[in-house]
Amino acid sequence: MRKIILTLAILYPAAALAQATEPANPPTIGGKPLVVVGSKKSEAGKKEKPLSVAQKLQACQDIDDATKERLNCYDAIYAPQPKPKAPAAKGVNDCRFVKEEDERLTCYNGFADKIPKLPR
């Protein structure tokens, strides 16, 4: 019984150390790794897809209506380029030409409300 306990006491820490350490040199053939499936480092470094303009506009809809923050969110997507006589907005991109902030916000909201709900 004592021999079994002594053997386990010696082998257990050695087995734990062998599992905890990674090999310094992974097995290779001709200087190339045998199999490269993927590593956890590459998964953590993945970038998310950039959001589309429609998804960005919908994200702005989550901010309280008729606030400066919502207008700033829209202006971050389409930088304002006010014109003294802005043409009638035919698309959301044309809202950036409206000089008055309240009118510009209303213009953006009108187009953003018409966008069908997209997955986020």
N, C-alpha and C. Protein backbone atom coordinates (compact mmCIF):
# COMPACT_ATOMS: atom_id res chain seq x y z
N MET A 1 0.83 -1.18 0.00
CA MET A 1 0.00 0.00 0.00
C MET A 1 0.87 1.24 0.00
N ARG A 2 1.93 1.20 0.81
CA ARG A 2 2.82 2.36 0.88
C ARG A 2 3.54 2.58 -0.44
N LYS A 3 3.86 1.49 -1.13
CA LYS A 3 4.55 1.60 -2.41
C LYS A 3 3.65 2.26 -3.46
N ILE A 4 2.38 1.94 -3.43
CA ILE A 4 1.44 2.52 -4.37
C ILE A 4 1.30 4.03 -4.11
N ILE A 5 1.16 4.41 -2.86
CA ILE A 5 1.04 5.82 -2.50
C ILE A 5 2.31 6.57 -2.86
N LEU A 6 3.46 5.97 -2.59
CA LEU A 6 4.74 6.59 -2.92
C LEU A 6 4.89 6.75 -4.43
N THR A 7 4.51 5.74 -5.19
CA THR A 7 4.59 5.80 -6.64
C THR A 7 3.67 6.89 -7.18
N LEU A 8 2.43 6.98 -6.66
CA LEU A 8 1.50 8.03 -7.10
C LEU A 8 2.01 9.42 -6.72
N ALA A 9 2.61 9.53 -5.54
CA ALA A 9 3.13 10.82 -5.09
C ALA A 9 4.26 11.30 -6.00
N ILE A 10 5.00 10.39 -6.56
CA ILE A 10 6.11 10.77 -7.45
C ILE A 10 5.61 11.02 -8.88
N LEU A 11 4.72 10.16 -9.37
CA LEU A 11 4.27 10.25 -10.75
C LEU A 11 3.25 11.37 -10.99
N TYR A 12 2.42 11.66 -10.04
CA TYR A 12 1.36 12.65 -10.23
C TYR A 12 1.91 14.04 -10.53
N PRO A 13 2.85 14.58 -9.74
CA PRO A 13 3.39 15.90 -10.08
C PRO A 13 4.13 15.91 -11.41
N ALA A 14 4.81 14.82 -11.75
CA ALA A 14 5.52 14.76 -13.02
C ALA A 14 4.53 14.79 -14.18
N ALA A 15 3.41 14.10 -14.05
CA ALA A 15 2.39 14.10 -15.10
C ALA A 15 1.74 15.48 -15.22
N ALA A 16 1.51 16.13 -14.09
CA ALA A 16 0.91 17.46 -14.12
C ALA A 16 1.83 18.46 -14.79
N LEU A 17 3.12 18.39 -14.51
CA LEU A 17 4.09 19.29 -15.15
C LEU A 17 4.20 19.01 -16.65
N ALA A 18 4.13 17.78 -17.03
CA ALA A 18 4.24 17.43 -18.44
C ALA A 18 3.05 17.96 -19.23
N GLN A 19 1.88 18.01 -18.64
CA GLN A 19 0.69 18.51 -19.32
C GLN A 19 0.64 20.03 -19.34
N ALA A 20 1.18 20.67 -18.33
CA ALA A 20 1.09 22.12 -18.21
C ALA A 20 2.01 22.85 -19.17
N THR A 21 3.13 22.28 -19.50
CA THR A 21 4.08 22.99 -20.35
C THR A 21 3.82 22.65 -21.81
N GLU A 22 3.97 23.69 -22.66
CA GLU A 22 3.81 23.47 -24.09
C GLU A 22 5.18 23.09 -24.65
N PRO A 23 5.22 22.30 -25.67
CA PRO A 23 6.51 21.95 -26.24
C PRO A 23 7.17 23.18 -26.85
N ALA A 24 8.47 23.31 -26.64
CA ALA A 24 9.21 24.46 -27.15
C ALA A 24 9.23 24.43 -28.67
N ASN A 25 9.40 23.29 -29.24
CA ASN A 25 9.43 23.15 -30.69
C ASN A 25 8.35 22.17 -31.12
N PRO A 26 7.29 22.65 -31.77
CA PRO A 26 6.27 21.71 -32.22
C PRO A 26 6.84 20.79 -33.30
N PRO A 27 6.29 19.62 -33.44
CA PRO A 27 6.82 18.69 -34.43
C PRO A 27 6.69 19.26 -35.84
N THR A 28 7.77 19.11 -36.61
CA THR A 28 7.78 19.66 -37.96
C THR A 28 8.32 18.64 -38.94
N ILE A 29 8.02 18.88 -40.21
CA ILE A 29 8.60 18.10 -41.30
C ILE A 29 9.13 19.12 -42.30
N GLY A 30 10.41 19.12 -42.50
CA GLY A 30 11.01 20.06 -43.42
C GLY A 30 10.88 21.51 -42.96
N GLY A 31 10.82 21.71 -41.65
CA GLY A 31 10.72 23.06 -41.11
C GLY A 31 9.30 23.60 -41.06
N LYS A 32 8.32 22.82 -41.53
CA LYS A 32 6.92 23.26 -41.52
C LYS A 32 6.16 22.45 -40.48
N PRO A 33 5.22 23.06 -39.77
CA PRO A 33 4.45 22.31 -38.78
C PRO A 33 3.64 21.19 -39.44
N LEU A 34 3.45 20.12 -38.69
CA LEU A 34 2.72 18.98 -39.24
C LEU A 34 1.29 19.35 -39.63
N VAL A 35 0.52 19.86 -38.69
CA VAL A 35 -0.86 20.22 -38.96
C VAL A 35 -1.15 21.55 -38.28
N VAL A 36 -1.69 22.48 -39.04
CA VAL A 36 -2.08 23.76 -38.47
C VAL A 36 -3.58 23.90 -38.71
N VAL A 37 -4.36 23.67 -37.67
CA VAL A 37 -5.80 23.75 -37.77
C VAL A 37 -6.26 25.17 -37.47
N GLY A 38 -5.70 25.79 -36.51
CA GLY A 38 -6.08 27.13 -36.07
C GLY A 38 -5.66 27.28 -34.63
N SER A 39 -5.44 28.48 -34.25
CA SER A 39 -5.03 28.69 -32.88
C SER A 39 -6.01 29.63 -32.20
N LYS A 40 -5.98 29.61 -30.90
CA LYS A 40 -6.86 30.49 -30.14
C LYS A 40 -6.47 31.94 -30.32
N LYS A 41 -5.20 32.19 -30.59
CA LYS A 41 -4.74 33.55 -30.80
C LYS A 41 -5.38 34.15 -32.04
N SER A 42 -5.51 33.39 -33.10
CA SER A 42 -6.10 33.92 -34.32
C SER A 42 -7.59 34.18 -34.15
N GLU A 43 -8.26 33.37 -33.35
CA GLU A 43 -9.67 33.59 -33.11
C GLU A 43 -9.90 34.85 -32.29
N ALA A 44 -9.04 35.10 -31.32
CA ALA A 44 -9.18 36.29 -30.49
C ALA A 44 -8.87 37.54 -31.28
N GLY A 45 -8.02 37.43 -32.30
CA GLY A 45 -7.63 38.59 -33.07
C GLY A 45 -8.57 38.89 -34.23
N LYS A 46 -9.63 38.10 -34.39
CA LYS A 46 -10.57 38.33 -35.49
C LYS A 46 -11.25 39.67 -35.32
N LYS A 47 -11.41 40.35 -36.42
CA LYS A 47 -12.12 41.63 -36.40
C LYS A 47 -13.56 41.38 -36.80
N GLU A 48 -14.44 42.14 -36.21
CA GLU A 48 -15.83 42.01 -36.58
C GLU A 48 -16.06 42.70 -37.91
N LYS A 49 -17.10 42.28 -38.60
CA LYS A 49 -17.42 42.92 -39.86
C LYS A 49 -17.79 44.37 -39.60
N PRO A 50 -17.37 45.26 -40.48
CA PRO A 50 -17.81 46.64 -40.31
C PRO A 50 -19.31 46.74 -40.59
N LEU A 51 -19.95 47.62 -39.87
CA LEU A 51 -21.40 47.78 -40.02
C LEU A 51 -21.71 48.51 -41.31
N SER A 52 -22.82 48.17 -41.92
CA SER A 52 -23.26 48.89 -43.11
C SER A 52 -23.84 50.23 -42.68
N VAL A 53 -24.05 51.10 -43.65
CA VAL A 53 -24.61 52.42 -43.35
C VAL A 53 -26.00 52.28 -42.74
N ALA A 54 -26.78 51.34 -43.27
CA ALA A 54 -28.13 51.14 -42.74
C ALA A 54 -28.07 50.70 -41.27
N GLN A 55 -27.14 49.83 -40.92
CA GLN A 55 -27.02 49.38 -39.54
C GLN A 55 -26.55 50.51 -38.64
N LYS A 56 -25.68 51.37 -39.15
CA LYS A 56 -25.24 52.53 -38.37
C LYS A 56 -26.40 53.49 -38.13
N LEU A 57 -27.21 53.71 -39.17
CA LEU A 57 -28.37 54.59 -39.01
C LEU A 57 -29.35 54.02 -38.00
N GLN A 58 -29.54 52.71 -38.02
CA GLN A 58 -30.44 52.09 -37.05
C GLN A 58 -29.88 52.18 -35.65
N ALA A 59 -28.56 52.13 -35.51
CA ALA A 59 -27.96 52.29 -34.19
C ALA A 59 -28.22 53.69 -33.66
N CYS A 60 -28.25 54.66 -34.54
CA CYS A 60 -28.56 56.03 -34.12
C CYS A 60 -30.01 56.15 -33.65
N GLN A 61 -30.88 55.30 -34.17
CA GLN A 61 -32.29 55.32 -33.77
C GLN A 61 -32.46 54.93 -32.30
N ASP A 62 -31.47 54.25 -31.72
CA ASP A 62 -31.56 53.85 -30.31
C ASP A 62 -31.36 55.03 -29.37
N ILE A 63 -30.78 56.12 -29.86
CA ILE A 63 -30.57 57.32 -29.05
C ILE A 63 -31.88 58.09 -28.98
N ASP A 64 -32.12 58.78 -27.87
CA ASP A 64 -33.36 59.53 -27.68
C ASP A 64 -33.62 60.45 -28.87
N ASP A 65 -34.90 60.50 -29.28
CA ASP A 65 -35.29 61.30 -30.43
C ASP A 65 -35.18 62.79 -30.11
N ALA A 66 -34.92 63.59 -31.15
CA ALA A 66 -34.85 65.05 -31.08
C ALA A 66 -33.77 65.53 -30.12
N THR A 67 -32.65 64.79 -30.06
CA THR A 67 -31.54 65.21 -29.20
C THR A 67 -30.32 65.51 -30.07
N LYS A 68 -29.44 66.30 -29.50
CA LYS A 68 -28.19 66.64 -30.19
C LYS A 68 -27.33 65.40 -30.38
N GLU A 69 -27.41 64.44 -29.45
CA GLU A 69 -26.62 63.23 -29.55
C GLU A 69 -27.00 62.41 -30.78
N ARG A 70 -28.30 62.34 -31.07
CA ARG A 70 -28.74 61.59 -32.25
C ARG A 70 -28.26 62.28 -33.51
N LEU A 71 -28.34 63.60 -33.56
CA LEU A 71 -27.86 64.33 -34.71
C LEU A 71 -26.35 64.13 -34.88
N ASN A 72 -25.62 64.13 -33.78
CA ASN A 72 -24.18 63.90 -33.85
C ASN A 72 -23.87 62.50 -34.38
N CYS A 73 -24.70 61.54 -34.01
CA CYS A 73 -24.53 60.18 -34.51
C CYS A 73 -24.72 60.14 -36.02
N TYR A 74 -25.77 60.78 -36.51
CA TYR A 74 -26.01 60.84 -37.95
C TYR A 74 -24.88 61.59 -38.65
N ASP A 75 -24.46 62.71 -38.05
CA ASP A 75 -23.39 63.52 -38.66
C ASP A 75 -22.07 62.77 -38.71
N ALA A 76 -21.87 61.81 -37.81
CA ALA A 76 -20.65 61.00 -37.84
C ALA A 76 -20.67 60.07 -39.04
N ILE A 77 -21.86 59.66 -39.48
CA ILE A 77 -21.98 58.78 -40.63
C ILE A 77 -21.84 59.60 -41.91
N TYR A 78 -22.60 60.69 -42.01
CA TYR A 78 -22.55 61.60 -43.15
C TYR A 78 -22.15 62.97 -42.63
N ALA A 79 -20.92 63.38 -42.89
CA ALA A 79 -20.44 64.67 -42.41
C ALA A 79 -21.28 65.78 -43.03
N PRO A 80 -21.75 66.72 -42.20
CA PRO A 80 -22.61 67.79 -42.73
C PRO A 80 -21.83 68.72 -43.67
N GLN A 81 -22.47 69.09 -44.76
CA GLN A 81 -21.93 70.04 -45.72
C GLN A 81 -23.05 71.00 -46.08
N PRO A 82 -23.41 71.90 -45.13
CA PRO A 82 -24.58 72.75 -45.34
C PRO A 82 -24.44 73.65 -46.57
N LYS A 83 -25.54 73.79 -47.27
CA LYS A 83 -25.63 74.68 -48.42
C LYS A 83 -26.75 75.68 -48.14
N PRO A 84 -26.60 76.91 -48.59
CA PRO A 84 -27.65 77.91 -48.33
C PRO A 84 -29.01 77.49 -48.88
N LYS A 85 -29.01 76.93 -50.08
CA LYS A 85 -30.27 76.46 -50.67
C LYS A 85 -30.11 74.98 -50.98
N ALA A 86 -30.37 74.16 -49.98
CA ALA A 86 -30.21 72.71 -50.13
C ALA A 86 -31.34 72.16 -51.01
N PRO A 87 -31.00 71.26 -51.93
CA PRO A 87 -32.05 70.64 -52.75
C PRO A 87 -32.89 69.69 -51.90
N ALA A 88 -34.04 69.35 -52.42
CA ALA A 88 -34.90 68.40 -51.71
C ALA A 88 -34.16 67.06 -51.60
N ALA A 89 -34.23 66.49 -50.41
CA ALA A 89 -33.50 65.24 -50.15
C ALA A 89 -34.18 64.07 -50.85
N LYS A 90 -33.43 63.44 -51.75
CA LYS A 90 -33.94 62.26 -52.44
C LYS A 90 -33.43 60.98 -51.79
N GLY A 91 -32.39 61.12 -50.96
CA GLY A 91 -31.82 59.98 -50.25
C GLY A 91 -31.22 60.47 -48.95
N VAL A 92 -30.88 59.54 -48.09
CA VAL A 92 -30.35 59.90 -46.77
C VAL A 92 -29.04 60.68 -46.89
N ASN A 93 -28.28 60.43 -47.94
CA ASN A 93 -27.02 61.13 -48.16
C ASN A 93 -27.26 62.63 -48.41
N ASP A 94 -28.41 62.99 -48.95
CA ASP A 94 -28.72 64.40 -49.24
C ASP A 94 -29.06 65.20 -47.99
N CYS A 95 -29.33 64.53 -46.88
CA CYS A 95 -29.67 65.23 -45.65
C CYS A 95 -28.50 66.05 -45.11
N ARG A 96 -27.30 65.69 -45.47
CA ARG A 96 -26.14 66.41 -44.95
C ARG A 96 -26.04 67.83 -45.50
N PHE A 97 -26.77 68.15 -46.57
CA PHE A 97 -26.71 69.47 -47.15
C PHE A 97 -27.65 70.46 -46.47
N VAL A 98 -28.57 69.97 -45.65
CA VAL A 98 -29.53 70.84 -44.96
C VAL A 98 -28.78 71.61 -43.87
N LYS A 99 -29.00 72.93 -43.86
CA LYS A 99 -28.24 73.78 -42.95
C LYS A 99 -28.79 73.74 -41.52
N GLU A 100 -30.09 73.82 -41.36
CA GLU A 100 -30.73 73.87 -40.05
C GLU A 100 -30.66 72.49 -39.38
N GLU A 101 -30.21 72.47 -38.12
CA GLU A 101 -30.00 71.19 -37.42
C GLU A 101 -31.30 70.42 -37.22
N ASP A 102 -32.38 71.11 -36.83
CA ASP A 102 -33.65 70.41 -36.61
C ASP A 102 -34.16 69.79 -37.90
N GLU A 103 -34.04 70.51 -38.99
CA GLU A 103 -34.50 69.99 -40.27
C GLU A 103 -33.62 68.82 -40.73
N ARG A 104 -32.32 68.92 -40.46
CA ARG A 104 -31.42 67.83 -40.82
C ARG A 104 -31.74 66.58 -40.03
N LEU A 105 -32.02 66.74 -38.73
CA LEU A 105 -32.38 65.60 -37.89
C LEU A 105 -33.68 64.97 -38.37
N THR A 106 -34.65 65.79 -38.72
CA THR A 106 -35.93 65.28 -39.22
C THR A 106 -35.72 64.52 -40.53
N CYS A 107 -34.86 65.06 -41.37
CA CYS A 107 -34.57 64.41 -42.64
C CYS A 107 -33.95 63.04 -42.41
N TYR A 108 -32.93 62.96 -41.55
CA TYR A 108 -32.29 61.68 -41.24
C TYR A 108 -33.30 60.70 -40.65
N ASN A 109 -34.11 61.17 -39.71
CA ASN A 109 -35.09 60.29 -39.06
C ASN A 109 -36.07 59.72 -40.08
N GLY A 110 -36.48 60.56 -41.04
CA GLY A 110 -37.43 60.09 -42.05
C GLY A 110 -36.89 58.92 -42.84
N PHE A 111 -35.63 59.01 -43.22
CA PHE A 111 -35.04 57.91 -43.99
C PHE A 111 -34.69 56.71 -43.10
N ALA A 112 -34.22 56.96 -41.90
CA ALA A 112 -33.83 55.86 -41.01
C ALA A 112 -35.06 55.05 -40.58
N ASP A 113 -36.21 55.72 -40.45
CA ASP A 113 -37.43 55.00 -40.08
C ASP A 113 -37.90 54.06 -41.18
N LYS A 114 -37.58 54.36 -42.42
CA LYS A 114 -38.04 53.55 -43.54
C LYS A 114 -37.19 52.31 -43.77
N ILE A 115 -36.02 52.24 -43.13
CA ILE A 115 -35.13 51.09 -43.33
C ILE A 115 -35.74 49.89 -42.61
N PRO A 116 -35.85 48.75 -43.30
CA PRO A 116 -36.35 47.54 -42.62
C PRO A 116 -35.35 47.12 -41.54
N LYS A 117 -35.85 46.51 -40.50
CA LYS A 117 -35.00 46.09 -39.39
C LYS A 117 -33.98 45.06 -39.87
N LEU A 118 -32.71 45.37 -39.66
CA LEU A 118 -31.62 44.50 -40.08
C LEU A 118 -31.05 43.78 -38.87
N PRO A 119 -30.48 42.59 -39.06
CA PRO A 119 -29.83 41.91 -37.92
C PRO A 119 -28.59 42.67 -37.52
N ARG A 120 -28.31 42.67 -36.22
CA ARG A 120 -27.14 43.41 -35.72
C ARG A 120 -26.03 42.48 -35.41
